[in-house]
Amino acid sequence: MTAVPHARRSPERLSLFSDAVFAVLITVLVLELRPPELPTFKALLSLWHTWLSYTVSYIFIAIVWANHHHLMRYATEATPRLMWFNFVHLFSVSLLPLSTAWMAVSELAPQPVAFYAAVFFLVNATYISLIWELIERAPVKEVSPKERRIMRFRSITTLCVFAAAAIVALKYPLVGLGMCCCCLIVYLKPEAPGAEK
């Protein structure tokens, strides 16, 4: 009986699978967009809450995708634990089209926006599990202690802000959504800011 080739446990395959999931999620997000009933710009502008919800979600998926790619560079093997952490992370991201649609249809009502922020919280929490699996276990020569500290601080801080945003959104939905948007800025560059190369 021949041994299973190492290529079958290759992290590249896991990354390709994840890419496909992200692509499907963006497609589903786009399919949720509906044109206004009236053929006027005024009718189009009246759907500003839909366009805002879609734009934030599109940017969020793009940022998560970029950061996922960055983390997967440190994977040397698609271990069962890494695969499950990745599946849970993808599941949390897959909730975004639902939460986006609910938030848009409700015209940014408090509870849908709070749920939307809670999805951001879940995505960030599962991202932290990937950091723990890939970055914390990586050799020091690949990821410096300073970079580990910065990534840890950034992820835990944004996790707390997302949790606060979900609570704040119950009374001030636009403020809660704004807090989520502010957190996205620190992830525009996947590498830890200020870390030495």
C-alpha atoms as a PDB file:
ATOM      1  CA  MET A   1       0.000   0.000   0.000  1.00  0.00           C
ATOM      2  CA  THR A   2       1.499   3.324  -1.070  1.00  0.00           C
ATOM      3  CA  ALA A   3       1.647   6.275   1.273  1.00  0.00           C
ATOM      4  CA  VAL A   4      -0.503   9.316   0.624  1.00  0.00           C
ATOM      5  CA  PRO A   5       1.635  11.823  -1.256  1.00  0.00           C
ATOM      6  CA  HIS A   6       2.542  14.979   0.606  1.00  0.00           C
ATOM      7  CA  ALA A   7       0.941  17.025  -2.201  1.00  0.00           C
ATOM      8  CA  ARG A   8      -2.490  15.905  -1.037  1.00  0.00           C
ATOM      9  CA  ARG A   9      -1.875  17.660   2.258  1.00  0.00           C
ATOM     10  CA  SER A  10      -0.555  20.738   0.492  1.00  0.00           C
ATOM     11  CA  PRO A  11      -1.676  24.084   1.932  1.00  0.00           C
ATOM     12  CA  GLU A  12      -1.935  25.391  -1.646  1.00  0.00           C
ATOM     13  CA  ARG A  13      -5.021  23.226  -2.179  1.00  0.00           C
ATOM     14  CA  LEU A  14      -6.574  24.571   0.986  1.00  0.00           C
ATOM     15  CA  SER A  15      -5.824  28.102  -0.189  1.00  0.00           C
ATOM     16  CA  LEU A  16      -7.371  27.414  -3.601  1.00  0.00           C
ATOM     17  CA  PHE A  17     -10.508  26.039  -1.946  1.00  0.00           C
ATOM     18  CA  SER A  18     -10.707  29.148   0.223  1.00  0.00           C
ATOM     19  CA  ASP A  19     -10.274  31.386  -2.829  1.00  0.00           C
ATOM     20  CA  ALA A  20     -13.229  29.655  -4.470  1.00  0.00           C
ATOM     21  CA  VAL A  21     -15.379  30.213  -1.376  1.00  0.00           C
ATOM     22  CA  PHE A  22     -14.481  33.912  -1.249  1.00  0.00           C
ATOM     23  CA  ALA A  23     -15.295  34.249  -4.966  1.00  0.00           C
ATOM     24  CA  VAL A  24     -18.703  32.607  -4.458  1.00  0.00           C
ATOM     25  CA  LEU A  25     -19.457  34.870  -1.481  1.00  0.00           C
ATOM     26  CA  ILE A  26     -18.725  38.001  -3.514  1.00  0.00           C
ATOM     27  CA  THR A  27     -20.947  36.645  -6.291  1.00  0.00           C
ATOM     28  CA  VAL A  28     -23.796  35.969  -3.851  1.00  0.00           C
ATOM     29  CA  LEU A  29     -23.338  39.467  -2.448  1.00  0.00           C
ATOM     30  CA  VAL A  30     -23.668  40.994  -5.925  1.00  0.00           C
ATOM     31  CA  LEU A  31     -26.736  38.885  -6.756  1.00  0.00           C
ATOM     32  CA  GLU A  32     -28.535  40.398  -3.767  1.00  0.00           C
ATOM     33  CA  LEU A  33     -28.443  43.837  -5.403  1.00  0.00           C
ATOM     34  CA  ARG A  34     -31.768  44.895  -6.905  1.00  0.00           C
ATOM     35  CA  PRO A  35     -32.445  47.911  -9.150  1.00  0.00           C
ATOM     36  CA  PRO A  36     -35.029  50.487  -8.095  1.00  0.00           C
ATOM     37  CA  GLU A  37     -38.565  50.123  -9.397  1.00  0.00           C
ATOM     38  CA  LEU A  38     -38.649  53.611 -10.918  1.00  0.00           C
ATOM     39  CA  PRO A  39     -36.269  54.586 -13.770  1.00  0.00           C
ATOM     40  CA  THR A  40     -34.928  57.715 -12.064  1.00  0.00           C
ATOM     41  CA  PHE A  41     -31.711  58.741 -10.354  1.00  0.00           C
ATOM     42  CA  LYS A  42     -33.784  59.829  -7.376  1.00  0.00           C
ATOM     43  CA  ALA A  43     -35.042  56.264  -6.998  1.00  0.00           C
ATOM     44  CA  LEU A  44     -31.476  55.003  -7.277  1.00  0.00           C
ATOM     45  CA  LEU A  45     -30.274  57.437  -4.609  1.00  0.00           C
ATOM     46  CA  SER A  46     -33.105  56.395  -2.330  1.00  0.00           C
ATOM     47  CA  LEU A  47     -31.399  53.003  -2.076  1.00  0.00           C
ATOM     48  CA  TRP A  48     -28.298  54.565  -0.481  1.00  0.00           C
ATOM     49  CA  HIS A  49     -28.552  52.217   2.504  1.00  0.00           C
ATOM     50  CA  THR A  50     -28.364  49.228   0.152  1.00  0.00           C
ATOM     51  CA  TRP A  51     -25.319  50.619  -1.656  1.00  0.00           C
ATOM     52  CA  LEU A  52     -23.618  51.482   1.626  1.00  0.00           C
ATOM     53  CA  SER A  53     -24.251  47.985   3.014  1.00  0.00           C
ATOM     54  CA  TYR A  54     -22.987  46.360  -0.186  1.00  0.00           C
ATOM     55  CA  THR A  55     -19.877  48.572  -0.396  1.00  0.00           C
ATOM     56  CA  VAL A  56     -18.816  47.943   3.217  1.00  0.00           C
ATOM     57  CA  SER A  57     -19.364  44.196   2.804  1.00  0.00           C
ATOM     58  CA  TYR A  58     -17.479  44.037  -0.487  1.00  0.00           C
ATOM     59  CA  ILE A  59     -14.503  45.858   1.018  1.00  0.00           C
ATOM     60  CA  PHE A  60     -14.696  43.661   4.115  1.00  0.00           C
ATOM     61  CA  ILE A  61     -14.590  40.436   2.074  1.00  0.00           C
ATOM     62  CA  ALA A  62     -11.684  41.818   0.008  1.00  0.00           C
ATOM     63  CA  ILE A  63      -9.742  42.663   3.184  1.00  0.00           C
ATOM     64  CA  VAL A  64     -10.469  39.293   4.775  1.00  0.00           C
ATOM     65  CA  TRP A  65      -9.403  37.568   1.555  1.00  0.00           C
ATOM     66  CA  ALA A  66      -6.115  39.519   1.416  1.00  0.00           C
ATOM     67  CA  ASN A  67      -5.355  38.807   5.082  1.00  0.00           C
ATOM     68  CA  HIS A  68      -6.233  35.133   4.622  1.00  0.00           C
ATOM     69  CA  HIS A  69      -3.735  34.930   1.745  1.00  0.00           C
ATOM     70  CA  HIS A  70      -1.102  36.544   3.940  1.00  0.00           C
ATOM     71  CA  LEU A  71      -1.603  34.021   6.738  1.00  0.00           C
ATOM     72  CA  MET A  72      -1.686  31.005   4.436  1.00  0.00           C
ATOM     73  CA  ARG A  73       1.875  31.823   3.290  1.00  0.00           C
ATOM     74  CA  TYR A  74       3.041  30.490   6.652  1.00  0.00           C
ATOM     75  CA  ALA A  75       1.278  27.130   6.262  1.00  0.00           C
ATOM     76  CA  THR A  76       3.658  24.265   5.591  1.00  0.00           C
ATOM     77  CA  GLU A  77       1.035  21.520   5.724  1.00  0.00           C
ATOM     78  CA  ALA A  78      -2.764  21.375   5.674  1.00  0.00           C
ATOM     79  CA  THR A  79      -3.141  19.729   9.076  1.00  0.00           C
ATOM     80  CA  PRO A  80      -6.624  18.652  10.250  1.00  0.00           C
ATOM     81  CA  ARG A  81      -6.625  21.430  12.840  1.00  0.00           C
ATOM     82  CA  LEU A  82      -5.714  24.069  10.251  1.00  0.00           C
ATOM     83  CA  MET A  83      -8.420  22.754   7.925  1.00  0.00           C
ATOM     84  CA  TRP A  84     -11.090  22.999  10.645  1.00  0.00           C
ATOM     85  CA  PHE A  85      -9.968  26.452  11.748  1.00  0.00           C
ATOM     86  CA  ASN A  86     -10.137  27.495   8.108  1.00  0.00           C
ATOM     87  CA  PHE A  87     -13.603  25.972   7.631  1.00  0.00           C
ATOM     88  CA  VAL A  88     -14.913  27.813  10.694  1.00  0.00           C
ATOM     89  CA  HIS A  89     -13.384  31.046   9.422  1.00  0.00           C
ATOM     90  CA  LEU A  90     -15.011  30.586   6.006  1.00  0.00           C
ATOM     91  CA  PHE A  91     -18.342  29.778   7.678  1.00  0.00           C
ATOM     92  CA  SER A  92     -18.222  33.055   9.604  1.00  0.00           C
ATOM     93  CA  VAL A  93     -17.481  34.981   6.391  1.00  0.00           C
ATOM     94  CA  SER A  94     -20.345  33.150   4.645  1.00  0.00           C
ATOM     95  CA  LEU A  95     -22.785  34.873   7.033  1.00  0.00           C
ATOM     96  CA  LEU A  96     -21.922  38.233   5.486  1.00  0.00           C
ATOM     97  CA  PRO A  97     -24.343  38.129   2.498  1.00  0.00           C
ATOM     98  CA  LEU A  98     -27.241  37.305   4.841  1.00  0.00           C
ATOM     99  CA  SER A  99     -26.372  40.042   7.341  1.00  0.00           C
ATOM    100  CA  THR A 100     -25.763  42.527   4.520  1.00  0.00           C
ATOM    101  CA  ALA A 101     -29.132  41.818   2.908  1.00  0.00           C
ATOM    102  CA  TRP A 102     -30.970  42.100   6.242  1.00  0.00           C
ATOM    103  CA  MET A 103     -29.222  45.362   7.078  1.00  0.00           C
ATOM    104  CA  ALA A 104     -29.991  46.812   3.621  1.00  0.00           C
ATOM    105  CA  VAL A 105     -33.664  45.751   3.594  1.00  0.00           C
ATOM    106  CA  SER A 106     -34.171  47.159   7.092  1.00  0.00           C
ATOM    107  CA  GLU A 107     -32.617  50.472   5.986  1.00  0.00           C
ATOM    108  CA  LEU A 108     -29.921  50.211   8.657  1.00  0.00           C
ATOM    109  CA  ALA A 109     -32.244  49.404  11.550  1.00  0.00           C
ATOM    110  CA  PRO A 110     -30.580  48.838  14.958  1.00  0.00           C
ATOM    111  CA  GLN A 111     -30.906  45.060  15.342  1.00  0.00           C
ATOM    112  CA  PRO A 112     -29.772  44.156  11.778  1.00  0.00           C
ATOM    113  CA  VAL A 113     -26.752  46.466  12.125  1.00  0.00           C
ATOM    114  CA  ALA A 114     -25.961  44.920  15.521  1.00  0.00           C
ATOM    115  CA  PHE A 115     -26.128  41.458  13.926  1.00  0.00           C
ATOM    116  CA  TYR A 116     -23.883  42.700  11.115  1.00  0.00           C
ATOM    117  CA  ALA A 117     -21.305  43.900  13.674  1.00  0.00           C
ATOM    118  CA  ALA A 118     -21.613  40.543  15.462  1.00  0.00           C
ATOM    119  CA  VAL A 119     -20.714  38.790  12.187  1.00  0.00           C
ATOM    120  CA  PHE A 120     -17.634  41.041  11.966  1.00  0.00           C
ATOM    121  CA  PHE A 121     -16.807  39.951  15.519  1.00  0.00           C
ATOM    122  CA  LEU A 122     -17.135  36.269  14.584  1.00  0.00           C
ATOM    123  CA  VAL A 123     -14.991  36.675  11.456  1.00  0.00           C
ATOM    124  CA  ASN A 124     -12.283  38.388  13.515  1.00  0.00           C
ATOM    125  CA  ALA A 125     -12.455  35.762  16.271  1.00  0.00           C
ATOM    126  CA  THR A 126     -11.955  32.946  13.761  1.00  0.00           C
ATOM    127  CA  TYR A 127      -9.152  34.947  12.130  1.00  0.00           C
ATOM    128  CA  ILE A 128      -7.416  35.006  15.509  1.00  0.00           C
ATOM    129  CA  SER A 129      -7.589  31.197  15.573  1.00  0.00           C
ATOM    130  CA  LEU A 130      -5.772  31.146  12.225  1.00  0.00           C
ATOM    131  CA  ILE A 131      -3.151  33.541  13.600  1.00  0.00           C
ATOM    132  CA  TRP A 132      -2.672  31.245  16.575  1.00  0.00           C
ATOM    133  CA  GLU A 133      -2.328  28.189  14.332  1.00  0.00           C
ATOM    134  CA  LEU A 134      -0.048  29.713  11.680  1.00  0.00           C
ATOM    135  CA  ILE A 135       1.804  32.707  13.120  1.00  0.00           C
ATOM    136  CA  GLU A 136       2.287  31.686  16.741  1.00  0.00           C
ATOM    137  CA  ARG A 137       3.683  28.315  15.636  1.00  0.00           C
ATOM    138  CA  ALA A 138       5.932  29.739  12.916  1.00  0.00           C
ATOM    139  CA  PRO A 139       9.692  29.831  13.510  1.00  0.00           C
ATOM    140  CA  VAL A 140      11.107  33.096  14.904  1.00  0.00           C
ATOM    141  CA  LYS A 141      13.159  33.577  11.729  1.00  0.00           C
ATOM    142  CA  GLU A 142       9.905  33.791   9.725  1.00  0.00           C
ATOM    143  CA  VAL A 143       7.871  35.952  12.125  1.00  0.00           C
ATOM    144  CA  SER A 144       9.676  38.182  14.600  1.00  0.00           C
ATOM    145  CA  PRO A 145       8.455  38.493  18.215  1.00  0.00           C
ATOM    146  CA  LYS A 146       7.627  42.147  17.527  1.00  0.00           C
ATOM    147  CA  GLU A 147       5.425  41.238  14.562  1.00  0.00           C
ATOM    148  CA  ARG A 148       3.659  38.565  16.637  1.00  0.00           C
ATOM    149  CA  ARG A 149       2.934  41.107  19.380  1.00  0.00           C
ATOM    150  CA  ILE A 150       1.608  43.666  16.914  1.00  0.00           C
ATOM    151  CA  MET A 151      -0.636  41.134  15.168  1.00  0.00           C
ATOM    152  CA  ARG A 152      -1.925  39.880  18.516  1.00  0.00           C
ATOM    153  CA  PHE A 153      -2.625  43.415  19.759  1.00  0.00           C
ATOM    154  CA  ARG A 154      -4.294  44.452  16.492  1.00  0.00           C
ATOM    155  CA  SER A 155      -6.582  41.431  16.338  1.00  0.00           C
ATOM    156  CA  ILE A 156      -7.651  41.538  20.001  1.00  0.00           C
ATOM    157  CA  THR A 157      -8.226  45.312  19.891  1.00  0.00           C
ATOM    158  CA  THR A 158     -10.412  45.110  16.790  1.00  0.00           C
ATOM    159  CA  LEU A 159     -12.256  42.149  18.286  1.00  0.00           C
ATOM    160  CA  CYS A 160     -13.191  44.320  21.272  1.00  0.00           C
ATOM    161  CA  VAL A 161     -14.235  47.186  18.994  1.00  0.00           C
ATOM    162  CA  PHE A 162     -16.467  44.868  16.943  1.00  0.00           C
ATOM    163  CA  ALA A 163     -18.099  43.632  20.177  1.00  0.00           C
ATOM    164  CA  ALA A 164     -18.651  47.231  21.307  1.00  0.00           C
ATOM    165  CA  ALA A 165     -20.019  48.133  17.858  1.00  0.00           C
ATOM    166  CA  ALA A 166     -22.647  45.392  18.114  1.00  0.00           C
ATOM    167  CA  ILE A 167     -23.825  46.833  21.442  1.00  0.00           C
ATOM    168  CA  VAL A 168     -23.665  50.479  20.328  1.00  0.00           C
ATOM    169  CA  ALA A 169     -25.579  49.666  17.116  1.00  0.00           C
ATOM    170  CA  LEU A 170     -28.630  48.666  19.149  1.00  0.00           C
ATOM    171  CA  LYS A 171     -29.120  52.370  19.952  1.00  0.00           C
ATOM    172  CA  TYR A 172     -27.011  54.155  17.349  1.00  0.00           C
ATOM    173  CA  PRO A 173     -26.788  51.938  14.242  1.00  0.00           C
ATOM    174  CA  LEU A 174     -24.784  54.351  12.084  1.00  0.00           C
ATOM    175  CA  VAL A 175     -22.224  54.816  14.864  1.00  0.00           C
ATOM    176  CA  GLY A 176     -21.913  51.039  15.256  1.00  0.00           C
ATOM    177  CA  LEU A 177     -21.438  50.622  11.501  1.00  0.00           C
ATOM    178  CA  GLY A 178     -18.847  53.415  11.534  1.00  0.00           C
ATOM    179  CA  MET A 179     -16.920  51.624  14.290  1.00  0.00           C
ATOM    180  CA  CYS A 180     -16.802  48.491  12.119  1.00  0.00           C
ATOM    181  CA  CYS A 181     -15.532  50.520   9.155  1.00  0.00           C
ATOM    182  CA  CYS A 182     -12.774  52.060  11.285  1.00  0.00           C
ATOM    183  CA  CYS A 183     -11.538  48.582  12.219  1.00  0.00           C
ATOM    184  CA  LEU A 184     -11.229  47.643   8.549  1.00  0.00           C
ATOM    185  CA  ILE A 185      -8.636  50.376   8.017  1.00  0.00           C
ATOM    186  CA  VAL A 186      -6.026  48.656  10.204  1.00  0.00           C
ATOM    187  CA  TYR A 187      -6.323  45.489   8.093  1.00  0.00           C
ATOM    188  CA  LEU A 188      -5.859  47.153   4.707  1.00  0.00           C
ATOM    189  CA  LYS A 189      -2.237  46.048   4.886  1.00  0.00           C
ATOM    190  CA  PRO A 190      -2.131  42.380   5.966  1.00  0.00           C
ATOM    191  CA  GLU A 191       1.397  42.702   7.364  1.00  0.00           C
ATOM    192  CA  ALA A 192       1.599  43.938  10.925  1.00  0.00           C
ATOM    193  CA  PRO A 193       2.133  47.724  10.834  1.00  0.00           C
ATOM    194  CA  GLY A 194       5.523  48.784  12.143  1.00  0.00           C
ATOM    195  CA  ALA A 195       6.936  45.250  12.137  1.00  0.00           C
ATOM    196  CA  GLU A 196      10.507  44.905  10.986  1.00  0.00           C
ATOM    197  CA  LYS A 197      11.087  42.862   7.871  1.00  0.00           C
END
